[in-house]
C-alpha atoms as a PDB file:
ATOM      1  CA  MET A   1      33.002 229.019  93.529  1.00  0.00           C
ATOM      2  CA  ALA A   2      35.483 232.379  92.577  1.00  0.00           C
ATOM      3  CA  ARG A   3      37.238 231.445  88.725  1.00  0.00           C
ATOM      4  CA  LEU A   4      41.068 232.386  87.703  1.00  0.00           C
ATOM      5  CA  THR A   5      41.227 232.032  84.760  1.00  0.00           C
ATOM      6  CA  LEU A   6      45.491 232.071  82.996  1.00  0.00           C
ATOM      7  CA  VAL A   7      46.145 233.611  79.509  1.00  0.00           C
ATOM      8  CA  SER A   8      49.410 234.284  77.912  1.00  0.00           C
ATOM      9  CA  THR A   9      48.017 235.170  74.643  1.00  0.00           C
ATOM     10  CA  PRO A  10      45.611 237.007  72.578  1.00  0.00           C
ATOM     11  CA  LEU A  11      44.652 233.785  71.079  1.00  0.00           C
ATOM     12  CA  ALA A  12      44.129 231.790  74.907  1.00  0.00           C
ATOM     13  CA  ALA A  13      41.989 234.951  75.775  1.00  0.00           C
ATOM     14  CA  MET A  14      39.680 235.437  72.289  1.00  0.00           C
ATOM     15  CA  THR A  15      39.475 231.038  73.360  1.00  0.00           C
ATOM     16  CA  ALA A  16      38.468 231.745  76.660  1.00  0.00           C
ATOM     17  CA  ARG A  17      36.280 234.534  76.630  1.00  0.00           C
ATOM     18  CA  ALA A  18      34.111 232.155  73.273  1.00  0.00           C
ATOM     19  CA  ALA A  19      33.998 229.203  76.364  1.00  0.00           C
ATOM     20  CA  GLN A  20      32.227 231.543  78.714  1.00  0.00           C
ATOM     21  CA  LEU A  21      29.800 233.095  75.608  1.00  0.00           C
ATOM     22  CA  HIS A  22      29.028 229.409  74.890  1.00  0.00           C
ATOM     23  CA  GLY A  23      28.667 227.852  77.528  1.00  0.00           C
ATOM     24  CA  ALA A  24      31.627 225.348  77.592  1.00  0.00           C
ATOM     25  CA  LEU A  25      32.368 226.936  81.196  1.00  0.00           C
ATOM     26  CA  ALA A  26      29.580 226.728  84.249  1.00  0.00           C
ATOM     27  CA  PRO A  27      28.467 229.905  85.058  1.00  0.00           C
ATOM     28  CA  LEU A  28      29.114 232.136  87.762  1.00  0.00           C
ATOM     29  CA  LEU A  29      26.460 233.841  89.836  1.00  0.00           C
ATOM     30  CA  PRO A  30      26.564 237.644  89.506  1.00  0.00           C
ATOM     31  CA  HIS A  31      28.644 237.986  93.505  1.00  0.00           C
ATOM     32  CA  GLU A  32      31.127 235.148  91.978  1.00  0.00           C
ATOM     33  CA  PRO A  33      34.312 236.894  91.355  1.00  0.00           C
ATOM     34  CA  ASN A  34      36.349 236.182  87.639  1.00  0.00           C
ATOM     35  CA  VAL A  35      39.117 237.524  87.655  1.00  0.00           C
ATOM     36  CA  LEU A  36      41.345 236.824  84.404  1.00  0.00           C
ATOM     37  CA  VAL A  37      45.167 236.686  84.674  1.00  0.00           C
ATOM     38  CA  VAL A  38      47.635 238.016  82.246  1.00  0.00           C
ATOM     39  CA  ALA A  39      51.261 236.084  81.939  1.00  0.00           C
ATOM     40  CA  ASN A  40      53.462 237.611  79.212  1.00  0.00           C
ATOM     41  CA  ASN A  41      56.040 235.123  78.384  1.00  0.00           C
ATOM     42  CA  ALA A  42      57.292 237.460  75.553  1.00  0.00           C
ATOM     43  CA  PRO A  43      61.365 236.070  76.056  1.00  0.00           C
ATOM     44  CA  ILE A  44      61.614 239.716  77.379  1.00  0.00           C
ATOM     45  CA  PRO A  45      58.384 240.523  78.785  1.00  0.00           C
ATOM     46  CA  GLU A  46      59.562 243.991  79.348  1.00  0.00           C
ATOM     47  CA  ILE A  47      59.756 245.346  75.635  1.00  0.00           C
ATOM     48  CA  VAL A  48      56.418 243.442  74.542  1.00  0.00           C
ATOM     49  CA  ALA A  49      52.983 244.787  76.291  1.00  0.00           C
ATOM     50  CA  PRO A  50      50.211 242.119  77.703  1.00  0.00           C
ATOM     51  CA  ILE A  51      47.585 241.187  76.367  1.00  0.00           C
ATOM     52  CA  HIS A  52      45.475 243.016  78.602  1.00  0.00           C
ATOM     53  CA  ARG A  53      47.121 246.273  78.009  1.00  0.00           C
ATOM     54  CA  THR A  54      46.486 246.300  73.274  1.00  0.00           C
ATOM     55  CA  ALA A  55      43.053 247.634  72.178  1.00  0.00           C
ATOM     56  CA  ALA A  56      41.785 244.120  71.859  1.00  0.00           C
ATOM     57  CA  GLY A  57      42.811 242.756  75.024  1.00  0.00           C
ATOM     58  CA  LYS A  58      41.164 245.715  77.379  1.00  0.00           C
ATOM     59  CA  TRP A  59      38.282 244.737  75.280  1.00  0.00           C
ATOM     60  CA  LEU A  60      37.888 240.987  75.403  1.00  0.00           C
ATOM     61  CA  ALA A  61      38.943 241.901  79.464  1.00  0.00           C
ATOM     62  CA  GLN A  62      36.128 243.718  79.722  1.00  0.00           C
ATOM     63  CA  ALA A  63      34.128 240.615  80.236  1.00  0.00           C
ATOM     64  CA  TRP A  64      36.129 239.356  83.072  1.00  0.00           C
ATOM     65  CA  ASP A  65      35.930 241.036  86.741  1.00  0.00           C
ATOM     66  CA  ARG A  66      39.587 242.155  87.047  1.00  0.00           C
ATOM     67  CA  VAL A  67      42.559 241.588  85.414  1.00  0.00           C
ATOM     68  CA  VAL A  68      46.235 240.087  87.581  1.00  0.00           C
ATOM     69  CA  ASP A  69      49.237 240.940  86.043  1.00  0.00           C
ATOM     70  CA  LEU A  70      50.825 237.281  86.918  1.00  0.00           C
ATOM     71  CA  ASN A  71      54.700 239.524  86.036  1.00  0.00           C
ATOM     72  CA  ALA A  72      53.716 242.152  88.258  1.00  0.00           C
ATOM     73  CA  GLU A  73      52.743 239.558  90.965  1.00  0.00           C
ATOM     74  CA  LEU A  74      56.690 237.197  90.030  1.00  0.00           C
ATOM     75  CA  PHE A  75      58.780 240.395  88.937  1.00  0.00           C
ATOM     76  CA  PRO A  76      61.614 239.736  88.591  1.00  0.00           C
ATOM     77  CA  CYS A  77      61.137 235.908  87.675  1.00  0.00           C
ATOM     78  CA  HIS A  78      59.748 234.904  85.026  1.00  0.00           C
ATOM     79  CA  PRO A  79      55.928 233.310  84.579  1.00  0.00           C
ATOM     80  CA  ALA A  80      57.962 231.128  82.571  1.00  0.00           C
ATOM     81  CA  ALA A  81      60.591 229.925  85.360  1.00  0.00           C
ATOM     82  CA  TRP A  82      58.548 230.338  87.851  1.00  0.00           C
ATOM     83  CA  ARG A  83      58.648 227.405  90.448  1.00  0.00           C
ATOM     84  CA  VAL A  84      57.012 227.354  93.917  1.00  0.00           C
ATOM     85  CA  ALA A  85      58.612 225.439  96.844  1.00  0.00           C
ATOM     86  CA  ASP A  86      55.628 222.331  98.133  1.00  0.00           C
ATOM     87  CA  ASP A  87      56.057 224.542 100.939  1.00  0.00           C
ATOM     88  CA  ALA A  88      55.190 227.421  99.991  1.00  0.00           C
ATOM     89  CA  ALA A  89      52.109 227.166  98.269  1.00  0.00           C
ATOM     90  CA  PRO A  90      49.788 227.428 101.152  1.00  0.00           C
ATOM     91  CA  THR A  91      50.967 230.385 102.462  1.00  0.00           C
ATOM     92  CA  LEU A  92      50.760 232.053  98.593  1.00  0.00           C
ATOM     93  CA  ALA A  93      47.490 230.591  97.682  1.00  0.00           C
ATOM     94  CA  ARG A  94      45.860 232.223 100.856  1.00  0.00           C
ATOM     95  CA  ALA A  95      48.120 235.906 100.146  1.00  0.00           C
ATOM     96  CA  TRP A  96      46.263 235.685  96.731  1.00  0.00           C
ATOM     97  CA  ARG A  97      43.095 234.615  97.677  1.00  0.00           C
ATOM     98  CA  ARG A  98      43.043 237.531  99.824  1.00  0.00           C
ATOM     99  CA  ALA A  99      44.879 239.982  97.595  1.00  0.00           C
ATOM    100  CA  TRP A 100      42.392 239.631  94.295  1.00  0.00           C
ATOM    101  CA  GLY A 101      39.342 239.103  96.101  1.00  0.00           C
ATOM    102  CA  LEU A 102      38.171 235.143  95.454  1.00  0.00           C
ATOM    103  CA  GLY A 103      36.952 234.688  98.901  1.00  0.00           C
ATOM    104  CA  ASP A 104      37.458 231.129 100.443  1.00  0.00           C
ATOM    105  CA  GLY A 105      35.049 229.133  98.924  1.00  0.00           C
ATOM    106  CA  PRO A 106      35.823 226.214  96.193  1.00  0.00           C
ATOM    107  CA  LEU A 107      37.431 228.218  93.337  1.00  0.00           C
ATOM    108  CA  HIS A 108      37.440 226.903  89.395  1.00  0.00           C
ATOM    109  CA  LEU A 109      41.174 227.391  87.769  1.00  0.00           C
ATOM    110  CA  VAL A 110      40.543 227.611  83.753  1.00  0.00           C
ATOM    111  CA  ILE A 111      44.388 227.402  82.136  1.00  0.00           C
ATOM    112  CA  GLU A 112      46.155 227.683  78.943  1.00  0.00           C
ATOM    113  CA  GLY A 113      49.009 225.759  79.075  1.00  0.00           C
ATOM    114  CA  LEU A 114      48.862 223.425  82.582  1.00  0.00           C
ATOM    115  CA  GLY A 115      52.628 220.574  81.318  1.00  0.00           C
ATOM    116  CA  MET A 116      54.572 224.099  83.113  1.00  0.00           C
ATOM    117  CA  PRO A 117      54.747 226.809  84.206  1.00  0.00           C
ATOM    118  CA  PRO A 118      52.496 229.427  84.609  1.00  0.00           C
ATOM    119  CA  GLY A 119      49.356 227.170  84.051  1.00  0.00           C
ATOM    120  CA  ALA A 120      51.957 223.912  86.235  1.00  0.00           C
ATOM    121  CA  THR A 121      53.048 225.777  89.682  1.00  0.00           C
ATOM    122  CA  LEU A 122      49.422 228.975  89.078  1.00  0.00           C
ATOM    123  CA  ALA A 123      47.887 224.701  89.659  1.00  0.00           C
ATOM    124  CA  LYS A 124      50.305 223.364  92.302  1.00  0.00           C
ATOM    125  CA  VAL A 125      49.434 226.837  94.400  1.00  0.00           C
ATOM    126  CA  PHE A 126      45.715 226.118  93.945  1.00  0.00           C
ATOM    127  CA  ALA A 127      45.911 222.404  94.568  1.00  0.00           C
ATOM    128  CA  ASP A 128      41.766 222.772  95.281  1.00  0.00           C
ATOM    129  CA  ALA A 129      40.376 224.094  92.805  1.00  0.00           C
ATOM    130  CA  ARG A 130      38.619 222.440  90.655  1.00  0.00           C
ATOM    131  CA  LEU A 131      40.733 222.859  87.073  1.00  0.00           C
ATOM    132  CA  THR A 132      39.653 223.432  82.976  1.00  0.00           C
ATOM    133  CA  VAL A 133      42.620 223.295  80.609  1.00  0.00           C
ATOM    134  CA  LEU A 134      41.615 225.455  77.247  1.00  0.00           C
ATOM    135  CA  ALA A 135      43.552 224.209  73.989  1.00  0.00           C
ATOM    136  CA  GLU A 136      43.602 226.829  71.808  1.00  0.00           C
ATOM    137  CA  GLY A 137      45.320 225.141  68.790  1.00  0.00           C
ATOM    138  CA  LEU A 138      46.385 222.716  67.215  1.00  0.00           C
ATOM    139  CA  THR A 139      47.606 221.575  70.181  1.00  0.00           C
ATOM    140  CA  GLY A 140      44.892 220.147  71.323  1.00  0.00           C
ATOM    141  CA  TYR A 141      45.007 216.820  69.509  1.00  0.00           C
ATOM    142  CA  GLY A 142      47.901 215.617  69.877  1.00  0.00           C
ATOM    143  CA  PRO A 143      49.077 213.498  72.571  1.00  0.00           C
ATOM    144  CA  THR A 144      50.463 215.211  76.325  1.00  0.00           C
ATOM    145  CA  ARG A 145      53.608 216.436  76.176  1.00  0.00           C
ATOM    146  CA  CYS A 146      54.597 217.277  78.712  1.00  0.00           C
ATOM    147  CA  PRO A 147      53.146 214.324  82.170  1.00  0.00           C
ATOM    148  CA  VAL A 148      50.857 215.880  84.542  1.00  0.00           C
ATOM    149  CA  PRO A 149      51.847 214.682  88.547  1.00  0.00           C
ATOM    150  CA  ALA A 150      48.852 212.551  89.469  1.00  0.00           C
ATOM    151  CA  GLN A 151      47.416 214.483  92.083  1.00  0.00           C
ATOM    152  CA  VAL A 152      47.073 217.808  89.112  1.00  0.00           C
ATOM    153  CA  GLY A 153      44.917 215.416  86.525  1.00  0.00           C
ATOM    154  CA  GLU A 154      42.734 214.358  88.822  1.00  0.00           C
ATOM    155  CA  ARG A 155      41.718 217.560  89.679  1.00  0.00           C
ATOM    156  CA  ILE A 156      41.529 217.939  85.195  1.00  0.00           C
ATOM    157  CA  GLU A 157      37.724 218.409  85.179  1.00  0.00           C
ATOM    158  CA  THR A 158      37.062 219.210  81.122  1.00  0.00           C
ATOM    159  CA  LEU A 159      39.365 220.210  78.402  1.00  0.00           C
ATOM    160  CA  ALA A 160      37.361 223.295  76.377  1.00  0.00           C
ATOM    161  CA  TYR A 161      39.355 223.518  73.075  1.00  0.00           C
ATOM    162  CA  LEU A 162      38.474 224.783  69.281  1.00  0.00           C
ATOM    163  CA  GLU A 163      36.668 222.883  67.726  1.00  0.00           C
ATOM    164  CA  LEU A 164      39.471 223.594  64.839  1.00  0.00           C
ATOM    165  CA  ILE A 165      38.643 219.561  63.414  1.00  0.00           C
ATOM    166  CA  PRO A 166      35.147 218.688  63.213  1.00  0.00           C
ATOM    167  CA  ALA A 167      34.206 215.368  64.272  1.00  0.00           C
ATOM    168  CA  LEU A 168      37.753 215.034  65.565  1.00  0.00           C
ATOM    169  CA  ARG A 169      38.197 214.195  68.910  1.00  0.00           C
ATOM    170  CA  PRO A 170      40.981 215.465  70.478  1.00  0.00           C
ATOM    171  CA  VAL A 171      43.307 212.995  72.680  1.00  0.00           C
ATOM    172  CA  LEU A 172      45.489 216.053  75.031  1.00  0.00           C
ATOM    173  CA  LEU A 173      45.111 215.168  78.424  1.00  0.00           C
ATOM    174  CA  SER A 174      42.793 211.276  77.227  1.00  0.00           C
ATOM    175  CA  GLU A 175      45.362 209.853  79.398  1.00  0.00           C
ATOM    176  CA  HIS A 176      43.263 211.597  82.852  1.00  0.00           C
ATOM    177  CA  ALA A 177      40.225 210.817  81.583  1.00  0.00           C
ATOM    178  CA  VAL A 178      38.357 214.654  80.890  1.00  0.00           C
ATOM    179  CA  GLN A 179      35.571 215.742  79.838  1.00  0.00           C
ATOM    180  CA  LEU A 180      35.845 216.906  76.413  1.00  0.00           C
ATOM    181  CA  THR A 181      34.028 220.011  75.598  1.00  0.00           C
ATOM    182  CA  PRO A 182      34.138 221.711  71.764  1.00  0.00           C
ATOM    183  CA  VAL A 183      34.440 225.709  71.824  1.00  0.00           C
ATOM    184  CA  PRO A 184      32.820 226.495  68.387  1.00  0.00           C
ATOM    185  CA  LEU A 185      34.860 229.058  66.559  1.00  0.00           C
END
């Protein structure tokens, strides 16, 4: 199995790393690709350093086999506005599997922010991938703000959330009966 982890903030990257370290994500075998996909959602991304180009981000990125800059892949489209047509998604999935070294086997997507692009679009592109949603802040404790299509919702296996409020269970994605997996602070 290959894993893609999509993050757009330093806190999401730290949460994803903590989820790996504390067993909130299934372990990968040494030969299975573990790829970090970084989206810079700043209003003008050209003037803000993406996560993997900052000192802390470079250190965090070492936990993955490789880093993909989603902004570079989508240029000139902004990740927050990225959408893909239904008939184009399979072609893009095949191209990115090849370019990113993911192979043809099962894929696990770990996505911060599934309700809107780029997370929602990446889930659409890799339509056969299992999904884990990262909730790195208080939004995990509130209701789902953007409806998740049924064909995406049925693939969500886990909500990995920072355990910011001990003993309080998140309600994000509860309409999809996902497994809740706390990530210790």
